[in-house]
Amino acid sequence: MNIKGLHHNAYRCRDSEETRSFYEDFLDLPLVDAFEIGETKTGRETEALHTFYKMDDGSFLAFFEVPGMLFDFKVQHDYDLHIALEVDRETLLFMFEKGKATGIETRGIADHGFINSIYFRDPNGYVIELTALTDSAESHAIEAVSQAHGKLEQWQLNKSN
């Protein structure tokens, strides 16, 4: 099997326009498609709008607004759900200042060793992380891949249930 890459991730949104404003106006991801869904693949009637925001690598962040379907929108904890997007160092610093200047909750800059990150919260409660690779990212990746299975095995043995 050859998985070529990510086409899109899709999330629920409260309101398509407020979501567009954050992703297109603030993050500068262009809205490239929006279509209504009136019937599911199983033939049930529905009312949904599916929107797509394009990233430079050709993949998309997508959202569903489904007014008639309950969804528990909540302020997500970083460990529960966050969307991490890679940027260059200059963009990271620019977006940090832009977030502060526009009054959007902005956290960071967090030094994770191989990346530096800043964090925002979108109108749906999702945490958006912008990351910029550091000079040690490549050496970290080489070391990490050689240790990943062993660290997972150790975690499984030691974790408390």
N, C-alpha and C. Protein backbone atom coordinates (compact mmCIF):
# COMPACT_ATOMS: atom_id res chain seq x y z
N MET A 1 0.85 -1.18 0.00
CA MET A 1 0.00 0.00 0.00
C MET A 1 0.89 1.24 0.00
N ASN A 2 0.47 2.26 -0.73
CA ASN A 2 1.24 3.48 -0.81
C ASN A 2 0.34 4.68 -0.53
N ILE A 3 0.34 5.12 0.72
CA ILE A 3 -0.42 6.32 1.07
C ILE A 3 0.43 7.51 0.65
N LYS A 4 -0.10 8.34 -0.22
CA LYS A 4 0.67 9.42 -0.82
C LYS A 4 0.77 10.65 0.05
N GLY A 5 -0.17 10.86 0.94
CA GLY A 5 -0.15 12.05 1.78
C GLY A 5 -1.55 12.40 2.24
N LEU A 6 -1.64 13.48 2.94
CA LEU A 6 -2.92 13.95 3.46
C LEU A 6 -3.65 14.75 2.39
N HIS A 7 -4.87 14.39 2.08
CA HIS A 7 -5.69 15.21 1.20
C HIS A 7 -6.40 16.28 2.02
N HIS A 8 -7.14 15.86 3.05
CA HIS A 8 -7.77 16.82 3.94
C HIS A 8 -8.13 16.18 5.27
N ASN A 9 -8.20 17.01 6.28
CA ASN A 9 -8.81 16.67 7.56
C ASN A 9 -10.10 17.47 7.63
N ALA A 10 -11.16 16.87 8.16
CA ALA A 10 -12.44 17.57 8.24
C ALA A 10 -12.91 17.62 9.69
N TYR A 11 -13.45 18.77 10.07
CA TYR A 11 -13.91 19.03 11.43
C TYR A 11 -15.28 19.70 11.36
N ARG A 12 -16.03 19.59 12.43
CA ARG A 12 -17.31 20.32 12.50
C ARG A 12 -17.03 21.78 12.81
N CYS A 13 -17.92 22.65 12.36
CA CYS A 13 -17.83 24.06 12.71
C CYS A 13 -19.21 24.57 13.11
N ARG A 14 -19.21 25.58 13.98
CA ARG A 14 -20.47 26.19 14.43
C ARG A 14 -21.11 27.01 13.32
N ASP A 15 -20.26 27.78 12.64
CA ASP A 15 -20.74 28.74 11.66
C ASP A 15 -19.68 28.86 10.55
N SER A 16 -20.08 28.61 9.33
CA SER A 16 -19.12 28.59 8.23
C SER A 16 -18.47 29.94 7.98
N GLU A 17 -19.20 31.03 8.17
CA GLU A 17 -18.62 32.34 7.93
C GLU A 17 -17.61 32.73 9.00
N GLU A 18 -17.91 32.47 10.28
CA GLU A 18 -16.91 32.80 11.31
C GLU A 18 -15.68 31.90 11.17
N THR A 19 -15.88 30.68 10.73
CA THR A 19 -14.75 29.77 10.47
C THR A 19 -13.94 30.30 9.28
N ARG A 20 -14.61 30.73 8.21
CA ARG A 20 -13.91 31.30 7.06
C ARG A 20 -13.09 32.52 7.47
N SER A 21 -13.66 33.37 8.29
CA SER A 21 -12.96 34.57 8.71
C SER A 21 -11.65 34.22 9.41
N PHE A 22 -11.66 33.22 10.29
CA PHE A 22 -10.44 32.83 10.99
C PHE A 22 -9.42 32.21 10.03
N TYR A 23 -9.86 31.22 9.26
CA TYR A 23 -8.91 30.48 8.42
C TYR A 23 -8.45 31.28 7.20
N GLU A 24 -9.35 32.04 6.60
CA GLU A 24 -8.95 32.79 5.40
C GLU A 24 -8.39 34.16 5.74
N ASP A 25 -9.09 34.93 6.56
CA ASP A 25 -8.65 36.29 6.86
C ASP A 25 -7.48 36.32 7.83
N PHE A 26 -7.52 35.49 8.87
CA PHE A 26 -6.44 35.51 9.86
C PHE A 26 -5.26 34.63 9.45
N LEU A 27 -5.50 33.35 9.15
CA LEU A 27 -4.42 32.43 8.80
C LEU A 27 -4.00 32.51 7.34
N ASP A 28 -4.78 33.18 6.52
CA ASP A 28 -4.46 33.37 5.10
C ASP A 28 -4.50 32.06 4.31
N LEU A 29 -5.39 31.15 4.69
CA LEU A 29 -5.64 29.93 3.92
C LEU A 29 -6.85 30.19 3.02
N PRO A 30 -6.68 30.17 1.71
CA PRO A 30 -7.80 30.52 0.84
C PRO A 30 -8.92 29.48 0.85
N LEU A 31 -10.14 29.98 0.90
CA LEU A 31 -11.32 29.13 0.72
C LEU A 31 -11.38 28.76 -0.75
N VAL A 32 -11.30 27.46 -1.07
CA VAL A 32 -11.24 27.03 -2.46
C VAL A 32 -12.43 26.20 -2.91
N ASP A 33 -13.26 25.77 -1.96
CA ASP A 33 -14.45 25.02 -2.34
C ASP A 33 -15.46 25.09 -1.20
N ALA A 34 -16.72 25.12 -1.59
CA ALA A 34 -17.83 25.06 -0.63
C ALA A 34 -18.99 24.42 -1.37
N PHE A 35 -19.56 23.39 -0.78
CA PHE A 35 -20.73 22.78 -1.43
C PHE A 35 -21.70 22.27 -0.38
N GLU A 36 -22.98 22.36 -0.75
CA GLU A 36 -24.04 21.88 0.13
C GLU A 36 -24.24 20.39 -0.08
N ILE A 37 -24.58 19.73 1.01
CA ILE A 37 -24.90 18.31 0.97
C ILE A 37 -26.35 18.20 1.44
N GLY A 38 -27.22 17.69 0.58
CA GLY A 38 -28.63 17.57 0.91
C GLY A 38 -29.07 16.15 1.17
N GLU A 39 -28.19 15.20 0.82
CA GLU A 39 -28.52 13.80 1.01
C GLU A 39 -27.25 13.02 1.30
N THR A 40 -27.30 12.14 2.30
CA THR A 40 -26.14 11.32 2.63
C THR A 40 -26.00 10.21 1.60
N LYS A 41 -24.90 9.52 1.61
CA LYS A 41 -24.67 8.41 0.68
C LYS A 41 -25.62 7.24 0.94
N THR A 42 -26.25 7.23 2.11
CA THR A 42 -27.23 6.19 2.41
C THR A 42 -28.65 6.64 2.12
N GLY A 43 -28.80 7.83 1.53
CA GLY A 43 -30.12 8.29 1.11
C GLY A 43 -30.90 9.12 2.12
N ARG A 44 -30.30 9.41 3.28
CA ARG A 44 -30.99 10.24 4.28
C ARG A 44 -30.88 11.71 3.91
N GLU A 45 -31.97 12.45 4.15
CA GLU A 45 -31.92 13.89 3.95
C GLU A 45 -31.03 14.53 5.02
N THR A 46 -30.28 15.53 4.62
CA THR A 46 -29.42 16.26 5.55
C THR A 46 -29.29 17.69 5.07
N GLU A 47 -28.74 18.53 5.90
CA GLU A 47 -28.44 19.91 5.53
C GLU A 47 -27.04 20.19 6.06
N ALA A 48 -26.08 20.27 5.15
CA ALA A 48 -24.69 20.50 5.55
C ALA A 48 -24.00 21.34 4.50
N LEU A 49 -23.04 22.13 4.96
CA LEU A 49 -22.14 22.84 4.06
C LEU A 49 -20.74 22.34 4.34
N HIS A 50 -20.03 21.94 3.29
CA HIS A 50 -18.66 21.42 3.40
C HIS A 50 -17.73 22.45 2.75
N THR A 51 -16.77 22.97 3.53
CA THR A 51 -15.85 23.99 3.02
C THR A 51 -14.41 23.49 3.09
N PHE A 52 -13.58 23.97 2.17
CA PHE A 52 -12.19 23.53 2.06
C PHE A 52 -11.26 24.74 1.98
N TYR A 53 -10.18 24.69 2.76
CA TYR A 53 -9.15 25.73 2.79
C TYR A 53 -7.83 25.10 2.37
N LYS A 54 -7.19 25.68 1.35
CA LYS A 54 -6.02 25.06 0.75
C LYS A 54 -4.72 25.52 1.41
N MET A 55 -3.83 24.54 1.65
CA MET A 55 -2.50 24.82 2.17
C MET A 55 -1.49 24.73 1.02
N ASP A 56 -0.31 25.29 1.22
CA ASP A 56 0.70 25.36 0.16
C ASP A 56 1.12 24.00 -0.39
N ASP A 57 1.03 22.94 0.41
CA ASP A 57 1.44 21.62 -0.06
C ASP A 57 0.35 20.92 -0.88
N GLY A 58 -0.80 21.58 -1.07
CA GLY A 58 -1.88 21.00 -1.84
C GLY A 58 -2.92 20.27 -1.01
N SER A 59 -2.69 20.13 0.28
CA SER A 59 -3.68 19.50 1.15
C SER A 59 -4.66 20.56 1.66
N PHE A 60 -5.69 20.12 2.35
CA PHE A 60 -6.76 21.02 2.76
C PHE A 60 -7.16 20.80 4.22
N LEU A 61 -7.61 21.87 4.85
CA LEU A 61 -8.41 21.77 6.08
C LEU A 61 -9.84 21.96 5.64
N ALA A 62 -10.73 21.11 6.11
CA ALA A 62 -12.12 21.16 5.69
C ALA A 62 -13.03 21.20 6.92
N PHE A 63 -14.22 21.73 6.72
CA PHE A 63 -15.17 21.87 7.81
C PHE A 63 -16.57 21.53 7.32
N PHE A 64 -17.37 20.99 8.24
CA PHE A 64 -18.79 20.73 8.01
C PHE A 64 -19.59 21.61 8.95
N GLU A 65 -20.52 22.40 8.41
CA GLU A 65 -21.52 23.05 9.24
C GLU A 65 -22.81 22.26 9.03
N VAL A 66 -23.35 21.72 10.11
CA VAL A 66 -24.55 20.88 10.04
C VAL A 66 -25.53 21.39 11.11
N PRO A 67 -26.35 22.40 10.74
CA PRO A 67 -27.21 23.04 11.74
C PRO A 67 -28.15 22.10 12.49
N GLY A 68 -28.66 21.07 11.86
CA GLY A 68 -29.64 20.21 12.53
C GLY A 68 -29.06 19.04 13.30
N MET A 69 -27.74 18.94 13.39
CA MET A 69 -27.12 17.80 14.06
C MET A 69 -26.33 18.28 15.27
N LEU A 70 -26.66 17.73 16.42
CA LEU A 70 -25.98 18.13 17.65
C LEU A 70 -24.51 17.76 17.60
N PHE A 71 -23.69 18.64 18.15
CA PHE A 71 -22.26 18.40 18.27
C PHE A 71 -21.80 19.14 19.51
N ASP A 72 -20.97 18.50 20.32
CA ASP A 72 -20.50 19.10 21.56
C ASP A 72 -19.28 19.98 21.30
N PHE A 73 -19.54 21.23 20.88
CA PHE A 73 -18.43 22.17 20.71
C PHE A 73 -17.93 22.55 22.09
N LYS A 74 -16.66 22.47 22.29
CA LYS A 74 -16.07 22.83 23.57
C LYS A 74 -14.67 23.36 23.33
N VAL A 75 -14.15 24.06 24.29
CA VAL A 75 -12.78 24.51 24.22
C VAL A 75 -11.90 23.28 24.40
N GLN A 76 -11.19 22.91 23.35
CA GLN A 76 -10.39 21.69 23.36
C GLN A 76 -9.08 21.91 24.14
N HIS A 77 -8.67 20.90 24.85
CA HIS A 77 -7.34 20.89 25.46
C HIS A 77 -6.35 20.47 24.37
N ASP A 78 -5.15 21.01 24.42
CA ASP A 78 -4.14 20.68 23.41
C ASP A 78 -3.96 19.17 23.25
N TYR A 79 -4.06 18.41 24.35
CA TYR A 79 -3.86 16.97 24.29
C TYR A 79 -5.05 16.26 23.64
N ASP A 80 -6.22 16.89 23.66
CA ASP A 80 -7.41 16.25 23.09
C ASP A 80 -7.48 16.42 21.59
N LEU A 81 -7.22 17.63 21.12
CA LEU A 81 -7.30 17.89 19.70
C LEU A 81 -6.56 19.17 19.41
N HIS A 82 -5.61 19.10 18.52
CA HIS A 82 -5.03 20.32 17.98
C HIS A 82 -4.58 20.06 16.55
N ILE A 83 -4.58 21.12 15.79
CA ILE A 83 -4.20 21.06 14.38
C ILE A 83 -2.88 21.80 14.26
N ALA A 84 -1.82 21.10 13.89
CA ALA A 84 -0.49 21.70 13.78
C ALA A 84 -0.14 21.92 12.32
N LEU A 85 0.22 23.15 12.00
CA LEU A 85 0.54 23.54 10.63
C LEU A 85 1.96 24.08 10.59
N GLU A 86 2.74 23.64 9.62
CA GLU A 86 4.14 24.07 9.53
C GLU A 86 4.26 25.39 8.78
N VAL A 87 5.06 26.29 9.33
CA VAL A 87 5.38 27.57 8.71
C VAL A 87 6.89 27.79 8.84
N ASP A 88 7.41 28.84 8.21
CA ASP A 88 8.81 29.18 8.42
C ASP A 88 8.93 30.09 9.63
N ARG A 89 10.14 30.30 10.09
CA ARG A 89 10.40 31.08 11.31
C ARG A 89 9.84 32.50 11.20
N GLU A 90 10.03 33.13 10.05
CA GLU A 90 9.55 34.49 9.85
C GLU A 90 8.02 34.56 9.98
N THR A 91 7.33 33.61 9.39
CA THR A 91 5.86 33.56 9.48
C THR A 91 5.43 33.31 10.92
N LEU A 92 6.13 32.43 11.63
CA LEU A 92 5.80 32.15 13.03
C LEU A 92 5.84 33.44 13.85
N LEU A 93 6.90 34.21 13.70
CA LEU A 93 7.04 35.46 14.45
C LEU A 93 5.98 36.47 14.03
N PHE A 94 5.71 36.56 12.72
CA PHE A 94 4.69 37.48 12.22
C PHE A 94 3.32 37.12 12.78
N MET A 95 2.96 35.83 12.74
CA MET A 95 1.65 35.39 13.21
C MET A 95 1.50 35.54 14.72
N PHE A 96 2.60 35.39 15.45
CA PHE A 96 2.55 35.61 16.89
C PHE A 96 2.13 37.06 17.17
N GLU A 97 2.77 37.99 16.49
CA GLU A 97 2.44 39.41 16.66
C GLU A 97 1.04 39.72 16.14
N LYS A 98 0.66 39.12 15.02
CA LYS A 98 -0.67 39.35 14.44
C LYS A 98 -1.76 38.86 15.40
N GLY A 99 -1.55 37.70 16.00
CA GLY A 99 -2.52 37.18 16.96
C GLY A 99 -2.70 38.10 18.14
N LYS A 100 -1.60 38.55 18.71
CA LYS A 100 -1.65 39.48 19.84
C LYS A 100 -2.35 40.78 19.44
N ALA A 101 -2.01 41.31 18.26
CA ALA A 101 -2.55 42.59 17.81
C ALA A 101 -4.05 42.52 17.52
N THR A 102 -4.53 41.37 17.08
CA THR A 102 -5.95 41.24 16.75
C THR A 102 -6.79 40.74 17.91
N GLY A 103 -6.17 40.50 19.04
CA GLY A 103 -6.93 40.07 20.22
C GLY A 103 -7.30 38.61 20.24
N ILE A 104 -6.71 37.81 19.37
CA ILE A 104 -6.95 36.37 19.38
C ILE A 104 -6.06 35.75 20.46
N GLU A 105 -6.63 34.83 21.24
CA GLU A 105 -5.83 34.14 22.25
C GLU A 105 -4.59 33.56 21.58
N THR A 106 -3.41 34.00 22.03
CA THR A 106 -2.14 33.61 21.41
C THR A 106 -1.19 33.15 22.50
N ARG A 107 -0.70 31.90 22.37
CA ARG A 107 0.26 31.37 23.34
C ARG A 107 1.55 31.01 22.64
N GLY A 108 2.64 31.08 23.38
CA GLY A 108 3.94 30.72 22.84
C GLY A 108 4.90 31.87 23.01
N ILE A 109 6.00 31.76 22.51
CA ILE A 109 6.57 30.78 21.60
C ILE A 109 7.17 29.65 22.44
N ALA A 110 6.70 28.42 22.18
CA ALA A 110 7.17 27.26 22.92
C ALA A 110 8.32 26.60 22.15
N ASP A 111 9.42 26.35 22.86
CA ASP A 111 10.58 25.69 22.26
C ASP A 111 10.50 24.20 22.58
N HIS A 112 10.20 23.40 21.57
CA HIS A 112 10.11 21.95 21.73
C HIS A 112 11.39 21.25 21.29
N GLY A 113 12.45 22.02 21.08
CA GLY A 113 13.72 21.45 20.65
C GLY A 113 13.82 21.38 19.14
N PHE A 114 13.01 20.52 18.52
CA PHE A 114 13.06 20.35 17.07
C PHE A 114 12.12 21.29 16.33
N ILE A 115 11.15 21.88 17.06
CA ILE A 115 10.25 22.89 16.51
C ILE A 115 10.00 23.97 17.55
N ASN A 116 9.63 25.15 17.07
CA ASN A 116 9.10 26.22 17.91
C ASN A 116 7.64 26.36 17.53
N SER A 117 6.78 26.59 18.52
CA SER A 117 5.34 26.60 18.26
C SER A 117 4.65 27.79 18.91
N ILE A 118 3.60 28.24 18.23
CA ILE A 118 2.65 29.18 18.82
C ILE A 118 1.26 28.57 18.68
N TYR A 119 0.35 29.04 19.50
CA TYR A 119 -0.97 28.42 19.58
C TYR A 119 -2.06 29.48 19.57
N PHE A 120 -3.12 29.18 18.82
CA PHE A 120 -4.32 30.00 18.79
C PHE A 120 -5.51 29.10 19.06
N ARG A 121 -6.66 29.69 19.28
CA ARG A 121 -7.90 28.93 19.37
C ARG A 121 -8.83 29.47 18.29
N ASP A 122 -9.37 28.57 17.47
CA ASP A 122 -10.28 29.01 16.41
C ASP A 122 -11.69 29.21 16.98
N PRO A 123 -12.64 29.71 16.20
CA PRO A 123 -13.98 30.00 16.72
C PRO A 123 -14.76 28.76 17.17
N ASN A 124 -14.27 27.57 16.80
CA ASN A 124 -14.95 26.33 17.16
C ASN A 124 -14.39 25.69 18.42
N GLY A 125 -13.33 26.29 18.98
CA GLY A 125 -12.70 25.76 20.18
C GLY A 125 -11.48 24.91 19.90
N TYR A 126 -11.13 24.71 18.62
CA TYR A 126 -9.97 23.89 18.28
C TYR A 126 -8.68 24.68 18.47
N VAL A 127 -7.65 24.00 18.96
CA VAL A 127 -6.34 24.62 19.11
C VAL A 127 -5.61 24.50 17.77
N ILE A 128 -5.11 25.64 17.28
CA ILE A 128 -4.33 25.68 16.06
C ILE A 128 -2.89 25.99 16.46
N GLU A 129 -1.99 25.09 16.09
CA GLU A 129 -0.56 25.25 16.39
C GLU A 129 0.16 25.57 15.10
N LEU A 130 0.94 26.64 15.10
CA LEU A 130 1.85 26.92 14.00
C LEU A 130 3.25 26.54 14.46
N THR A 131 3.95 25.76 13.65
CA THR A 131 5.28 25.27 14.03
C THR A 131 6.31 25.66 12.99
N ALA A 132 7.50 25.99 13.46
CA ALA A 132 8.64 26.25 12.59
C ALA A 132 9.77 25.32 13.02
N LEU A 133 10.34 24.63 12.04
CA LEU A 133 11.45 23.72 12.33
C LEU A 133 12.65 24.49 12.86
N THR A 134 13.37 23.89 13.80
CA THR A 134 14.62 24.47 14.30
C THR A 134 15.80 23.83 13.56
N ASP A 135 16.99 24.31 13.86
CA ASP A 135 18.19 23.76 13.22
C ASP A 135 18.42 22.29 13.58
N SER A 136 17.88 21.85 14.71
CA SER A 136 18.09 20.47 15.14
C SER A 136 16.99 19.52 14.67
N ALA A 137 16.05 19.99 13.85
CA ALA A 137 14.92 19.16 13.43
C ALA A 137 15.36 17.90 12.69
N GLU A 138 16.31 18.02 11.79
CA GLU A 138 16.74 16.87 11.00
C GLU A 138 17.43 15.82 11.87
N SER A 139 18.34 16.24 12.73
CA SER A 139 19.02 15.27 13.59
C SER A 139 18.04 14.66 14.58
N HIS A 140 17.08 15.43 15.04
CA HIS A 140 16.05 14.90 15.95
C HIS A 140 15.26 13.80 15.24
N ALA A 141 14.87 14.04 13.99
CA ALA A 141 14.08 13.06 13.24
C ALA A 141 14.83 11.75 13.06
N ILE A 142 16.11 11.83 12.79
CA ILE A 142 16.93 10.63 12.61
C ILE A 142 16.98 9.82 13.90
N GLU A 143 17.22 10.50 15.00
CA GLU A 143 17.28 9.82 16.30
C GLU A 143 15.91 9.30 16.72
N ALA A 144 14.88 10.09 16.49
CA ALA A 144 13.53 9.72 16.93
C ALA A 144 13.05 8.44 16.26
N VAL A 145 13.27 8.31 14.96
CA VAL A 145 12.78 7.13 14.26
C VAL A 145 13.44 5.86 14.77
N SER A 146 14.68 5.95 15.20
CA SER A 146 15.37 4.75 15.69
C SER A 146 14.91 4.36 17.09
N GLN A 147 14.25 5.28 17.80
CA GLN A 147 13.84 5.01 19.18
C GLN A 147 12.33 4.88 19.36
N ALA A 148 11.55 5.18 18.33
CA ALA A 148 10.09 5.28 18.48
C ALA A 148 9.45 3.99 19.00
N HIS A 149 9.75 2.85 18.41
CA HIS A 149 9.12 1.60 18.83
C HIS A 149 9.50 1.23 20.27
N GLY A 150 10.76 1.43 20.61
CA GLY A 150 11.20 1.12 21.97
C GLY A 150 10.52 2.01 23.00
N LYS A 151 10.38 3.29 22.70
CA LYS A 151 9.70 4.20 23.63
C LYS A 151 8.23 3.84 23.79
N LEU A 152 7.58 3.44 22.68
CA LEU A 152 6.18 3.01 22.76
C LEU A 152 6.06 1.75 23.62
N GLU A 153 6.93 0.78 23.40
CA GLU A 153 6.90 -0.45 24.20
C GLU A 153 7.08 -0.13 25.68
N GLN A 154 8.04 0.72 26.01
CA GLN A 154 8.29 1.09 27.40
C GLN A 154 7.09 1.80 28.00
N TRP A 155 6.46 2.67 27.23
CA TRP A 155 5.26 3.37 27.69
C TRP A 155 4.16 2.36 28.04
N GLN A 156 3.94 1.41 27.16
CA GLN A 156 2.90 0.41 27.38
C GLN A 156 3.15 -0.39 28.65
N LEU A 157 4.42 -0.69 28.93
CA LEU A 157 4.76 -1.44 30.13
C LEU A 157 4.58 -0.62 31.41
N ASN A 158 4.88 0.65 31.33
CA ASN A 158 4.93 1.49 32.53
C ASN A 158 3.67 2.28 32.83
N LYS A 159 2.79 2.46 31.85
CA LYS A 159 1.67 3.37 32.07
C LYS A 159 0.69 2.80 33.09
N SER A 160 0.06 3.72 33.80
CA SER A 160 -0.96 3.30 34.76
C SER A 160 -2.32 3.41 34.08
N ASN A 161 -3.12 2.39 34.27
CA ASN A 161 -4.44 2.35 33.63
C ASN A 161 -5.52 2.89 34.50
